[in-house]
Protein backbone atom coordinates (compact mmCIF):
# COMPACT_ATOMS: atom_id res chain seq x y z
CA MET A 1 45.46 -4.46 20.82
CA LYS A 2 43.40 -7.18 22.32
CA ILE A 3 40.64 -9.02 20.19
CA ARG A 4 38.11 -7.70 22.70
CA SER A 5 38.98 -4.16 21.83
CA LYS A 6 39.16 -5.00 18.16
CA ILE A 7 35.69 -6.43 18.40
CA VAL A 8 34.26 -3.20 19.92
CA TRP A 9 35.92 -0.93 17.42
CA ILE A 10 34.73 -2.82 14.15
CA VAL A 11 31.38 -3.93 15.24
CA LEU A 12 30.52 -0.51 16.92
CA PRO A 13 30.50 1.59 13.74
CA LEU A 14 28.61 -0.92 11.95
CA ILE A 15 25.77 -0.78 14.54
CA ILE A 16 25.78 2.95 14.87
CA ALA A 17 25.77 3.97 11.23
CA PRO A 18 22.12 2.72 10.92
CA PHE A 19 20.91 4.51 13.75
CA ILE A 20 22.32 7.55 12.60
CA LEU A 21 21.00 7.13 9.12
CA LEU A 22 17.40 6.07 10.55
CA GLY A 23 17.52 9.15 12.78
CA VAL A 24 18.28 11.72 9.92
CA ALA A 25 15.75 10.29 7.75
CA ALA A 26 13.17 10.21 10.47
CA SER A 27 13.95 13.76 11.58
CA LEU A 28 13.91 15.13 8.21
CA SER A 29 10.61 13.30 7.30
CA ALA A 30 9.07 14.34 10.72
CA ARG A 31 10.35 18.15 10.02
CA ASN A 32 8.76 18.18 6.58
CA GLY A 33 5.33 16.53 7.82
CA ILE A 34 5.01 18.79 10.48
CA THR A 35 5.98 21.92 8.45
CA LYS A 36 3.90 21.07 5.90
CA ILE A 37 0.90 20.76 8.16
CA ALA A 38 1.78 24.07 10.17
CA THR A 39 2.17 26.13 7.07
CA GLU A 40 -1.45 24.66 5.39
CA PHE A 41 -2.92 25.51 8.77
CA LEU A 42 -1.81 29.20 8.39
CA ARG A 43 -2.75 29.31 4.86
CA PHE A 44 -6.09 27.94 5.97
CA LYS A 45 -6.48 30.87 8.51
CA VAL A 46 -5.71 33.41 6.03
CA ASP A 47 -8.39 31.76 3.60
CA GLU A 48 -11.00 31.87 6.23
CA LEU A 49 -10.26 35.57 6.94
CA TYR A 50 -10.41 36.33 3.22
CA ASN A 51 -13.50 34.52 2.83
CA TYR A 52 -15.37 36.22 5.92
CA ALA A 53 -14.22 39.73 4.40
CA ALA A 54 -15.36 38.86 0.86
CA SER A 55 -18.90 37.56 2.29
CA GLN A 56 -19.10 40.87 4.35
CA TRP A 57 -18.18 42.80 1.27
CA LYS A 58 -20.98 40.91 -0.77
CA VAL A 59 -23.61 42.25 1.91
CA LEU A 60 -22.58 45.61 1.03
CA GLU A 61 -22.76 45.21 -2.41
CA GLU A 62 -26.37 43.51 -2.19
CA ASN A 63 -27.50 46.45 -0.31
CA ASN A 64 -25.87 49.00 -2.36
CA LEU A 65 -23.60 50.41 0.44
CA THR A 66 -20.19 50.20 -0.91
CA GLY A 67 -19.88 53.83 -1.71
CA LYS A 68 -20.91 54.71 2.37
CA LYS A 69 -17.76 54.92 4.39
CA GLU A 70 -19.87 54.33 7.84
CA PHE A 71 -20.73 50.91 6.68
CA ILE A 72 -17.27 50.19 4.97
CA ASP A 73 -15.73 51.06 8.27
CA ALA A 74 -18.45 48.68 10.24
CA THR A 75 -17.48 45.97 7.71
CA LYS A 76 -13.65 46.48 8.42
CA ALA A 77 -14.41 46.34 12.43
CA ALA A 78 -16.17 43.05 12.00
CA VAL A 79 -13.36 41.45 10.06
CA SER A 80 -10.92 42.68 12.62
CA SER A 81 -13.15 40.97 15.48
CA PHE A 82 -13.17 38.12 13.20
CA ALA A 83 -9.68 37.90 13.21
CA VAL A 84 -9.11 37.75 16.84
CA THR A 85 -11.23 34.52 16.83
CA LEU A 86 -8.73 32.63 14.50
CA VAL A 87 -5.87 33.35 16.79
CA ARG A 88 -4.93 30.23 19.02
CA SER A 89 -1.64 30.94 20.80
CA ASP A 90 -0.05 34.15 22.57
CA THR A 91 2.82 33.92 19.74
CA GLU A 92 0.72 34.07 16.84
CA LEU A 93 -0.09 37.63 15.04
CA ILE A 94 -2.96 38.26 12.55
CA PHE A 95 -2.74 41.88 11.09
CA ALA A 96 -3.23 43.57 7.75
CA ILE A 97 -1.49 46.55 5.90
CA ASP A 98 -2.67 48.98 3.43
CA LYS A 99 -0.78 50.52 0.38
CA SER A 100 1.39 52.72 2.56
CA GLY A 101 2.72 50.00 4.83
CA LYS A 102 0.38 51.16 7.63
CA VAL A 103 -1.05 48.52 10.17
CA VAL A 104 -4.86 49.13 9.61
CA MET A 105 -5.86 45.79 11.52
CA SER A 106 -3.92 43.70 14.21
CA THR A 107 -4.83 41.40 17.05
CA GLY A 108 -1.87 42.57 19.10
CA LYS A 109 0.23 45.50 19.90
CA LEU A 110 2.47 46.07 16.63
CA ARG A 111 5.11 48.88 16.18
CA LEU A 112 7.03 48.75 13.08
CA SER A 113 10.68 50.29 12.43
CA GLU A 114 11.23 51.95 9.17
CA GLY A 115 13.01 49.08 7.62
CA GLU A 116 10.29 46.77 8.91
CA THR A 117 7.81 48.90 7.09
CA ASP A 118 9.54 49.00 3.98
CA ASP A 119 9.64 45.12 3.52
CA LEU A 120 6.03 45.03 4.23
CA LEU A 121 5.57 47.57 1.38
CA THR A 122 7.39 45.17 -0.85
CA ILE A 123 5.20 42.40 0.14
CA TYR A 124 2.18 44.45 -0.48
CA SER A 125 3.44 45.74 -3.90
CA GLU A 126 4.16 42.14 -5.04
CA LEU A 127 0.85 40.72 -3.81
CA SER A 128 -1.21 43.45 -5.24
CA ARG A 129 0.47 42.91 -8.64
CA GLU A 130 -0.19 39.18 -8.49
CA SER A 131 -3.68 39.75 -7.41
CA GLY A 132 -4.30 41.81 -10.59
CA ARG A 133 -2.66 39.09 -12.86
CA GLY A 134 -4.39 36.18 -11.12
CA ALA A 135 -8.12 37.17 -10.39
CA LYS A 136 -10.49 35.42 -12.46
CA GLU A 137 -13.65 37.66 -11.41
CA ALA A 138 -13.72 41.53 -11.49
CA GLN A 139 -11.49 43.18 -8.80
CA GLY A 140 -14.46 44.74 -7.43
CA LYS A 141 -16.02 41.21 -6.73
CA GLY A 142 -12.87 40.09 -4.52
CA GLY A 143 -10.97 37.93 -7.02
CA LYS A 144 -8.27 36.29 -5.13
CA THR A 145 -4.83 34.33 -5.58
CA VAL A 146 -3.24 31.73 -3.81
CA PRO A 147 -2.07 32.47 -0.02
CA ARG A 148 1.69 33.57 -0.40
CA TRP A 149 4.09 31.90 2.22
CA ILE A 150 6.39 34.63 3.74
CA GLN A 151 9.18 35.02 6.03
CA PHE A 152 9.93 38.61 7.43
CA SER A 153 10.85 40.35 10.40
CA VAL A 154 8.41 42.38 12.31
CA ALA A 155 8.60 44.12 15.91
CA GLY A 156 11.60 42.70 16.39
CA SER A 157 11.19 39.00 15.73
CA THR A 158 11.22 36.95 12.64
CA ARG A 159 8.07 35.67 11.86
CA VAL A 160 6.63 33.28 9.09
CA GLY A 161 3.12 33.03 7.74
CA ALA A 162 0.59 33.26 4.88
CA ALA A 163 -0.54 36.60 2.96
CA LEU A 164 -3.19 37.26 0.83
CA PHE A 165 -4.66 40.67 -0.83
CA PHE A 166 -7.96 41.60 -0.31
CA GLN A 167 -8.93 43.91 -3.27
CA PRO A 168 -12.00 45.89 -2.00
CA PHE A 169 -9.78 47.07 1.00
CA LYS A 170 -6.80 47.29 -0.68
CA TRP A 171 -5.57 45.41 2.22
CA VAL A 172 -3.17 42.49 2.48
CA PHE A 173 -4.03 39.88 5.25
CA LEU A 174 -0.91 38.32 6.95
CA VAL A 175 -1.43 35.48 9.40
CA THR A 176 1.83 34.89 11.09
CA GLU A 177 3.45 32.81 13.78
CA LYS A 178 6.96 33.50 15.31
CA ARG A 179 9.66 31.49 13.50
CA GLU A 180 10.74 29.87 16.91
CA ALA A 181 7.22 28.69 17.77
CA PHE A 182 6.80 27.66 14.50
CA TYR A 183 9.69 25.18 14.37
CA SER A 184 9.47 24.11 18.01
CA ALA A 185 8.13 20.83 17.44
CA VAL A 186 10.87 20.28 14.64
CA ASN A 187 13.77 21.44 17.18
CA GLN A 188 12.24 19.07 19.78
CA ILE A 189 12.28 15.98 17.52
CA TYR A 190 15.99 16.98 16.73
CA LEU A 191 16.71 16.79 20.29
CA GLN A 192 14.98 13.42 20.97
CA SER A 193 16.73 11.82 17.89
CA ALA A 194 20.05 12.79 19.66
CA VAL A 195 19.08 11.77 22.96
CA ILE A 196 18.02 8.37 21.50
CA LEU A 197 20.87 8.10 19.47
CA GLY A 198 23.20 8.52 22.57
CA ALA A 199 21.51 6.30 24.31
CA ALA A 200 21.53 3.61 21.53
CA THR A 201 25.47 4.20 21.36
CA LEU A 202 25.79 3.65 25.12
CA ILE A 203 23.55 0.67 25.06
CA SER A 204 25.22 -0.94 22.00
CA LEU A 205 28.60 -0.33 23.47
CA ILE A 206 27.58 -2.01 26.84
CA LEU A 207 26.41 -4.95 24.89
CA LEU A 208 29.54 -5.12 22.60
CA ILE A 209 31.54 -5.40 25.62
CA ILE A 210 29.75 -8.36 27.14
CA LEU A 211 29.45 -10.03 23.83
CA SER A 212 33.20 -9.37 23.49
CA ASN A 213 33.89 -10.84 26.68
CA PHE A 214 31.39 -13.96 25.95
CA ILE A 215 33.50 -14.47 22.61
CA THR A 216 36.86 -14.17 24.21
CA ASN A 217 36.32 -16.31 27.29
CA PRO A 218 36.55 -19.73 25.78
CA ILE A 219 39.81 -18.61 23.59
CA GLN A 220 41.27 -17.84 27.11
CA SER A 221 40.12 -21.17 28.50
CA VAL A 222 41.77 -22.86 25.46
CA VAL A 223 45.00 -21.10 25.90
CA ARG A 224 45.06 -21.87 29.98
CA ALA A 225 44.57 -25.79 29.07
CA MET A 226 47.10 -25.84 26.23
CA ARG A 227 49.52 -24.11 28.99
CA GLN A 228 48.66 -26.87 31.51
CA ILE A 229 49.43 -29.75 28.79
CA ILE A 230 52.87 -28.23 28.04
CA GLU A 231 53.99 -27.63 31.67
CA LYS A 232 52.76 -30.99 33.21
CA ASN A 233 53.17 -33.12 30.21
CA ASP A 234 49.51 -34.48 30.81
CA LEU A 235 48.34 -35.91 27.67
CA SER A 236 45.59 -37.32 29.34
CA ARG A 237 43.79 -33.77 29.50
CA ARG A 238 41.30 -32.79 27.02
CA VAL A 239 41.09 -29.26 25.40
CA PRO A 240 37.46 -28.16 25.14
CA VAL A 241 36.31 -27.26 21.87
CA PHE A 242 33.69 -24.37 22.07
CA TYR A 243 33.87 -23.66 18.14
CA ARG A 244 35.04 -25.07 15.04
CA ASP A 245 37.48 -22.42 14.02
CA GLU A 246 41.24 -22.11 14.13
CA ILE A 247 41.34 -22.32 17.92
CA GLY A 248 38.91 -25.65 17.82
CA GLU A 249 41.31 -27.08 15.16
CA LEU A 250 43.96 -27.21 18.11
CA GLY A 251 41.67 -28.94 20.49
CA HIS A 252 40.33 -31.43 17.56
CA THR A 253 43.80 -33.06 17.94
CA PHE A 254 42.84 -34.45 21.23
CA ASN A 255 39.57 -35.32 20.56
CA ILE A 256 39.65 -37.08 17.35
CA MET A 257 38.59 -40.71 18.34
CA THR A 258 35.37 -39.24 19.94
CA GLU A 259 34.54 -36.85 16.86
CA GLU A 260 35.09 -40.03 14.54
CA LEU A 261 32.86 -42.08 16.25
CA GLU A 262 30.24 -39.31 16.31
CA ASN A 263 30.49 -38.64 12.91
CA ALA A 264 29.99 -42.61 12.28
CA TYR A 265 26.86 -42.60 14.46
CA ASN A 266 25.62 -39.50 12.43
CA GLN A 267 26.17 -41.63 9.20
CA ILE A 268 24.10 -44.66 10.62
CA LYS A 269 21.54 -42.16 11.31
CA SER A 270 21.34 -40.70 8.24
CA TYR A 271 21.31 -43.99 6.20
CA ALA A 272 18.10 -44.81 8.48
CA TYR A 273 16.41 -41.85 7.72
CA ARG A 274 17.16 -42.04 4.01
CA ALA A 275 15.68 -45.65 4.21
CA VAL A 276 12.51 -44.26 5.75
CA VAL A 277 12.19 -41.59 3.60
CA ALA A 278 12.56 -44.14 0.65
CA ARG A 279 9.70 -46.34 1.90
CA LYS A 280 7.35 -43.43 2.78
CA ARG A 281 7.66 -41.59 -0.47
CA GLU A 282 4.90 -43.68 -2.21
CA GLU A 283 2.51 -42.73 0.53
CA ARG A 284 3.55 -39.05 0.87
CA ILE A 285 2.92 -38.36 -3.05
CA ARG A 286 -0.31 -39.85 -2.52
CA ASN A 287 -1.30 -37.73 0.57
CA ILE A 288 0.00 -34.59 -1.21
CA PHE A 289 -2.68 -35.10 -4.04
CA GLN A 290 -5.42 -37.52 -2.60
CA ARG A 291 -7.41 -34.23 -1.07
CA TYR A 292 -6.98 -32.13 -4.10
CA VAL A 293 -6.65 -34.04 -7.23
CA PRO A 294 -9.27 -36.32 -8.83
CA LYS A 295 -8.61 -40.18 -8.31
CA ASP A 296 -7.89 -40.76 -11.84
CA VAL A 297 -5.12 -38.21 -12.09
CA ILE A 298 -3.63 -39.75 -9.15
CA ASP A 299 -3.59 -43.17 -10.93
CA GLN A 300 -2.43 -42.00 -14.01
CA PHE A 301 0.89 -40.61 -12.38
CA PHE A 302 1.02 -42.94 -9.55
CA ALA A 303 3.09 -45.05 -11.75
CA ASN A 304 5.93 -42.69 -12.01
CA PRO A 305 5.51 -40.07 -9.18
CA GLU A 306 9.00 -38.75 -9.76
CA SER A 307 7.43 -36.83 -12.96
CA MET A 308 5.13 -34.80 -10.51
CA LEU A 309 8.27 -33.52 -8.63
CA VAL A 310 10.04 -32.05 -11.40
CA GLY A 311 9.36 -28.44 -12.09
CA ASP A 312 7.74 -27.94 -15.87
CA ASN A 313 6.82 -24.24 -17.82
CA ARG A 314 3.33 -24.86 -19.20
CA GLU A 315 0.24 -22.86 -20.28
CA LEU A 316 -2.53 -23.15 -17.62
CA ALA A 317 -5.62 -21.22 -16.18
CA VAL A 318 -5.18 -19.65 -12.23
CA LEU A 319 -8.50 -18.84 -10.50
CA PHE A 320 -8.46 -16.66 -7.17
CA SER A 321 -11.63 -16.36 -5.40
CA ASP A 322 -12.39 -14.40 -1.97
CA ILE A 323 -15.07 -13.39 0.61
CA ARG A 324 -15.61 -9.74 0.44
CA SER A 325 -15.35 -8.14 3.80
CA PHE A 326 -15.04 -11.42 5.56
CA THR A 327 -13.02 -9.74 8.84
CA THR A 328 -16.44 -7.82 9.39
CA ILE A 329 -18.47 -10.98 9.15
CA SER A 330 -16.28 -12.82 11.20
CA GLU A 331 -16.56 -10.34 14.18
CA LYS A 332 -20.47 -11.18 14.32
CA LEU A 333 -20.10 -14.72 14.61
CA PRO A 334 -18.30 -16.88 17.46
CA PRO A 335 -15.60 -18.89 16.46
CA ASN A 336 -17.25 -22.39 15.97
CA GLN A 337 -20.02 -20.70 13.97
CA ILE A 338 -17.43 -19.09 11.69
CA VAL A 339 -15.45 -22.62 11.25
CA GLU A 340 -18.60 -24.10 10.64
CA SER A 341 -19.52 -21.76 7.73
CA LEU A 342 -16.11 -21.45 6.12
CA ASN A 343 -15.80 -25.51 6.02
CA HIS A 344 -19.32 -25.64 4.44
CA TYR A 345 -18.48 -22.79 2.03
CA PHE A 346 -15.24 -24.16 1.08
CA GLY A 347 -16.72 -27.77 0.80
CA MET A 348 -19.01 -26.40 -2.06
CA MET A 349 -16.11 -24.57 -3.92
CA VAL A 350 -13.72 -27.30 -3.63
CA ASP A 351 -16.48 -30.06 -5.10
CA ILE A 352 -16.82 -27.35 -8.18
CA VAL A 353 -13.23 -26.91 -8.95
CA MET A 354 -12.86 -30.49 -8.83
CA ASN A 355 -15.60 -31.44 -10.94
CA HIS A 356 -14.11 -29.09 -13.71
CA SER A 357 -10.90 -30.96 -13.39
CA GLY A 358 -9.05 -28.31 -11.38
CA ILE A 359 -6.47 -28.53 -8.68
CA VAL A 360 -7.26 -26.59 -5.35
CA ASP A 361 -3.72 -25.17 -4.76
CA LYS A 362 -4.02 -23.61 -1.55
CA PHE A 363 -6.71 -21.79 1.05
CA ILE A 364 -5.27 -18.31 1.74
CA GLY A 365 -7.23 -17.33 5.08
CA ASP A 366 -10.84 -16.84 3.29
CA ALA A 367 -9.61 -17.01 0.04
CA LEU A 368 -9.21 -19.95 -2.66
CA MET A 369 -6.64 -20.40 -5.14
CA ALA A 370 -6.90 -23.13 -7.94
CA PHE A 371 -5.33 -24.18 -11.32
CA TYR A 372 -6.42 -25.93 -14.44
CA GLY A 373 -4.20 -27.52 -16.89
CA ALA A 374 -1.63 -29.38 -14.83
CA PRO A 375 -0.64 -32.16 -13.89
CA VAL A 376 -3.20 -33.26 -17.06
CA ARG A 377 -3.43 -30.68 -19.76
CA HIS A 378 -6.90 -29.80 -21.41
CA ASP A 379 -7.53 -28.04 -24.46
CA ASP A 380 -10.16 -25.87 -23.04
CA ASP A 381 -8.51 -25.25 -19.56
CA ALA A 382 -9.54 -21.43 -19.59
CA GLU A 383 -13.25 -22.53 -20.33
CA ARG A 384 -13.06 -24.86 -17.17
CA ALA A 385 -12.03 -22.08 -15.15
CA VAL A 386 -14.76 -19.63 -16.32
CA GLU A 387 -17.34 -22.50 -15.75
CA SER A 388 -16.14 -22.88 -12.18
CA GLY A 389 -16.32 -19.28 -11.54
CA PHE A 390 -20.05 -19.25 -12.64
CA ASP A 391 -20.99 -22.48 -10.65
CA MET A 392 -19.34 -20.83 -7.63
CA LEU A 393 -21.72 -17.76 -8.18
CA ASN A 394 -24.42 -20.27 -8.58
CA ALA A 395 -23.46 -22.44 -5.52
CA LEU A 396 -23.02 -19.18 -3.51
CA ASN A 397 -26.61 -18.58 -3.68
CA GLU A 398 -27.38 -22.00 -2.01
CA PHE A 399 -24.72 -21.52 0.56
CA ASN A 400 -26.62 -18.01 1.48
CA SER A 401 -30.05 -19.74 1.98
CA TRP A 402 -28.14 -22.08 3.97
CA GLN A 403 -26.59 -19.16 6.32
CA ARG A 404 -30.00 -17.41 6.28
CA GLU A 405 -31.81 -20.40 7.76
CA ARG A 406 -29.03 -20.25 10.50
CA ASN A 407 -29.53 -16.37 11.07
CA ARG A 408 -25.73 -15.67 10.16
CA PRO A 409 -24.64 -13.04 7.32
CA THR A 410 -24.38 -14.01 3.75
CA PHE A 411 -21.50 -14.09 1.64
CA LYS A 412 -20.43 -12.01 -1.20
CA ILE A 413 -17.23 -13.31 -3.48
CA GLY A 414 -15.01 -11.70 -6.16
CA ILE A 415 -13.39 -13.95 -8.64
CA GLY A 416 -10.47 -13.14 -10.96
CA ILE A 417 -9.14 -15.81 -13.62
CA ASN A 418 -5.81 -15.40 -15.87
CA PHE A 419 -4.39 -17.79 -18.31
CA GLY A 420 -0.77 -17.97 -19.50
CA VAL A 421 2.61 -19.86 -18.67
CA VAL A 422 3.66 -20.64 -15.16
CA THR A 423 6.20 -22.57 -13.53
CA VAL A 424 4.30 -25.68 -11.98
CA GLY A 425 6.07 -28.52 -9.97
CA ASN A 426 6.53 -29.77 -6.31
CA ILE A 427 7.92 -26.88 -4.31
CA GLY A 428 9.23 -26.79 -0.73
CA SER A 429 11.43 -28.84 1.27
CA GLU A 430 12.23 -32.61 2.13
CA LYS A 431 10.11 -32.50 4.92
CA LYS A 432 7.12 -30.18 3.43
CA MET A 433 6.31 -29.82 0.16
CA ASP A 434 3.28 -28.60 -2.14
CA TYR A 435 2.29 -29.24 -5.68
CA THR A 436 1.94 -25.55 -6.83
CA VAL A 437 2.40 -22.87 -9.42
CA ILE A 438 4.46 -19.67 -9.31
CA GLY A 439 5.04 -16.83 -11.80
CA ASP A 440 3.82 -13.38 -12.62
CA MET A 441 0.80 -14.78 -14.30
CA VAL A 442 -0.45 -16.07 -10.77
CA ASN A 443 -0.09 -12.67 -9.32
CA LEU A 444 -1.99 -11.06 -11.98
CA ALA A 445 -4.70 -13.55 -11.34
CA SER A 446 -4.75 -12.63 -7.50
CA ARG A 447 -4.84 -8.74 -8.51
CA LEU A 448 -8.04 -9.43 -11.07
CA GLN A 449 -9.48 -10.75 -7.95
CA ASP A 450 -8.85 -7.87 -5.91
CA LEU A 451 -10.41 -5.41 -8.67
CA THR A 452 -13.94 -7.09 -8.46
CA LYS A 453 -14.49 -4.87 -5.53
CA TYR A 454 -13.53 -1.84 -7.54
CA TYR A 455 -15.36 -2.42 -10.79
CA GLY A 456 -18.29 -4.28 -8.86
CA GLU A 457 -18.36 -7.36 -11.00
CA PRO A 458 -18.21 -10.67 -9.49
CA ILE A 459 -15.68 -12.32 -12.09
CA ILE A 460 -13.00 -10.46 -13.81
CA ILE A 461 -10.93 -12.05 -16.42
CA SER A 462 -7.86 -11.15 -18.67
CA GLU A 463 -7.39 -10.69 -21.96
CA PRO A 464 -5.90 -14.42 -22.73
CA VAL A 465 -8.88 -15.72 -20.99
CA MET A 466 -11.13 -13.64 -22.98
CA LYS A 467 -9.72 -15.05 -26.29
CA GLU A 468 -9.97 -18.64 -25.18
CA VAL A 469 -13.79 -18.20 -24.26
CA ARG A 470 -15.30 -15.38 -26.30
CA MET A 471 -16.88 -18.03 -28.78
CA LYS A 472 -18.87 -19.40 -25.93
CA TYR A 473 -19.43 -16.78 -23.46
CA PRO A 474 -20.18 -13.22 -24.14
CA CYS A 475 -17.17 -11.18 -22.39
CA ARG A 476 -17.58 -7.14 -21.53
CA LEU A 477 -14.34 -4.95 -21.56
CA LEU A 478 -13.95 -3.40 -18.58
CA ASP A 479 -10.77 -1.27 -18.68
CA ARG A 480 -7.03 -1.10 -19.20
CA VAL A 481 -5.13 -1.15 -15.82
CA ALA A 482 -1.72 -1.37 -14.45
CA VAL A 483 -2.15 -3.30 -11.47
CA VAL A 484 -0.02 -2.88 -8.20
CA GLY A 485 3.77 -3.65 -9.06
CA LYS A 486 3.21 -3.32 -12.88
CA SER A 487 3.47 -0.38 -15.03
CA GLU A 488 2.13 -1.58 -18.26
CA GLY A 489 -1.62 -1.98 -18.75
CA VAL A 490 -3.56 -5.07 -19.41
CA LEU A 491 -7.04 -5.46 -20.86
CA ILE A 492 -9.80 -6.80 -18.42
CA TYR A 493 -13.26 -7.97 -19.03
CA THR A 494 -16.05 -9.75 -17.32
CA PRO A 495 -17.96 -12.76 -18.92
CA LYS A 496 -21.48 -14.15 -18.61
CA ARG A 497 -23.15 -17.24 -19.58
CA GLU A 498 -25.79 -15.57 -21.41
CA LEU A 499 -27.14 -11.83 -22.00
CA THR A 500 -30.93 -10.62 -22.29
CA GLN A 501 -31.75 -8.72 -25.42
CA GLU A 502 -31.48 -5.42 -23.42
CA GLU A 503 -28.09 -6.28 -22.20
CA GLU A 504 -26.74 -7.23 -25.59
CA LYS A 505 -27.65 -4.15 -26.84
CA ALA A 506 -26.28 -2.49 -24.10
CA TRP A 507 -22.83 -4.11 -24.15
CA LYS A 508 -22.32 -3.09 -27.64
CA LEU A 509 -23.05 0.26 -26.71
CA HIS A 510 -20.43 -0.01 -24.06
CA HIS A 511 -17.73 -1.51 -26.36
CA THR A 512 -18.17 1.48 -28.66
CA GLY A 513 -18.10 3.98 -25.84
CA MET A 514 -14.93 2.32 -24.61
CA LYS A 515 -13.38 2.83 -28.20
CA HIS A 516 -13.82 6.33 -28.06
CA TYR A 517 -12.49 6.56 -24.28
CA PHE A 518 -9.40 4.89 -24.84
CA GLU A 519 -8.88 7.27 -28.15
CA GLY A 520 -9.13 10.32 -25.96
CA ARG A 521 -12.73 11.44 -27.35
CA PHE A 522 -14.51 11.61 -23.92
CA LYS A 523 -17.58 13.61 -25.12
CA GLU A 524 -18.30 10.81 -27.49
CA ALA A 525 -17.51 8.13 -25.04
CA LEU A 526 -19.69 9.89 -22.40
CA PHE A 527 -22.63 9.92 -24.83
CA PHE A 528 -22.48 5.95 -25.30
CA PHE A 529 -22.05 5.28 -21.49
CA SER A 530 -24.85 7.32 -20.64
CA LYS A 531 -27.22 5.62 -23.04
CA VAL A 532 -26.02 2.16 -21.13
CA ARG A 533 -26.96 3.59 -17.82
CA ASP A 534 -30.34 4.61 -19.36
CA MET A 535 -30.72 0.91 -20.71
CA ILE A 536 -29.37 -0.72 -17.70
CA GLY A 537 -30.19 1.45 -14.47
CA ASP A 538 -28.15 -0.14 -11.79
CA ASP A 539 -24.98 -0.64 -13.87
CA SER A 540 -22.08 0.30 -11.78
CA LEU A 541 -19.36 0.15 -14.71
CA ALA A 542 -21.37 2.66 -16.85
CA GLY A 543 -21.66 5.09 -13.81
CA LEU A 544 -17.93 4.79 -13.11
CA MET A 545 -16.86 5.31 -16.69
CA ILE A 546 -19.38 8.41 -16.80
CA GLU A 547 -17.89 10.17 -14.11
CA ARG A 548 -14.22 9.29 -15.52
CA CYS A 549 -15.27 10.80 -18.85
CA ARG A 550 -16.78 14.04 -17.28
CA ASP A 551 -13.45 14.25 -15.10
CA PHE A 552 -11.19 13.75 -18.27
CA MET A 553 -13.16 16.64 -19.91
CA LYS A 554 -12.43 19.04 -17.36
CA ASN A 555 -8.84 17.83 -16.35
CA PRO A 556 -7.67 16.27 -19.72
CA PRO A 557 -5.01 13.40 -19.59
CA PRO A 558 -1.43 13.87 -20.57
CA GLU A 559 -0.78 13.47 -24.58
CA ASP A 560 1.09 10.22 -24.30
CA TRP A 561 -2.07 8.87 -22.05
CA ASN A 562 -3.47 5.18 -23.51
CA GLY A 563 -6.27 4.79 -21.46
CA THR A 564 -4.43 2.88 -18.89
CA MET A 565 -5.73 3.16 -15.10
CA VAL A 566 -2.88 2.94 -12.72
CA MET A 567 -4.01 0.99 -9.42
CA THR A 568 -2.24 2.39 -6.48
CA HIS A 569 -3.12 -0.31 -3.92
CA LYS A 570 -4.83 -4.02 -4.05
């Protein structure tokens, strides 16, 4: 077997297998999605029919007409007319049966065989029993159960649909569709998947043949050249070397001098490059830090710059701030005004970070990341980060005044702060490096910033930050959350520079309510959160906790619940 054929037989299965797996997965997913939507649609229709019948029956009850046959018959006729309005296709059929299996209402012609009548009687019997067990109201008031999904044969065709027992009429409503029509979209998906797979196989085969020719042609050229050298004894010929493989090694014998010269030339270039790098290293390190680090920090480490390039695990504070709804704001402004506003905003925020001995790590779109504690460690790095957050909020008011003077939208920001051990160092490549921090603690700080939108607080800090600053700043417990990507919950807080007397009382009540909430005493927690809202009328957190308590009182959490709120999105 030739190499070309081997390539096709080896690579083709590797290409086709993922197509097959992807096609099967996509088809199954589409089938489940379409089936679910269609099923819910039929159930929705039977619910609509049931609710209409119940409303008509209620009118009879309210007028004491439930004992008069002519009014009952008129109501049944109205229900039958309403059923006709629900039909949306020629293959759809809505009908009702009574306890004898007789079709008492139908949107189309329907003739039942004896066996089909028996099947419907079985359905009627099961639904009537389920209705008797599951109704929450009196049977005479039309209590109902969840619509049941059924498949049966009627009028010579297999149908699927939803069925529901209506107690006042002693009827079973059936909203059905022909099985082949119900699954027609799914069958079309299977057909399309098969066509796509066939086309992909054909295209892959053509491309493999072209590729195999491309690969084998250089080999054939080497074989021809070697034959000419052997047949003519012409040692001046050179074998073209297309690849550095076994065939290339044969040609390398005739080209060794040229390759050695090339290697020497490459070595000279390498030595020259290293010399330039050595001379530029001092300048590069200064350029890395001069825009982000205070001058005294650069001077302190400039004598030994290599120490800044070594990775180190240390405890520091990380701050993330982000402009809320910046995409919406940017859509309202021309590009030059967006750039001007952002530069002015970041200029103020960067000054605040550096004034508190922090380092601006990077700008992520409209977000800012900073850290405190590297390369110089301080005893109060967490406190410096929180103070930066407060100053950022104060500076934001000044910035928004500047925006309003120019008839531009004002900014709102969210700030997340975490404190813990991270890896810090110069990370990147020889051509591009950044002095940055990485680690799980950094990711949590980013998630805390995201949570400011959900909890309506401008600053959210982690428990380690709270322990570092609680002696200086009051901190309010917000929640225990498991952020995206984490299974364990962490306590989160919001700090404030100072509290009014009313806020101080309200925060104490809030913490008492949180204790009851975490212990599962939602009624007691609701009492304290309600008092907090009475004291601080616009407190969004109190409103959020009141809503949770009421929900858990109606739908209690699992027994192993520990108060953790699991976040499913950023």
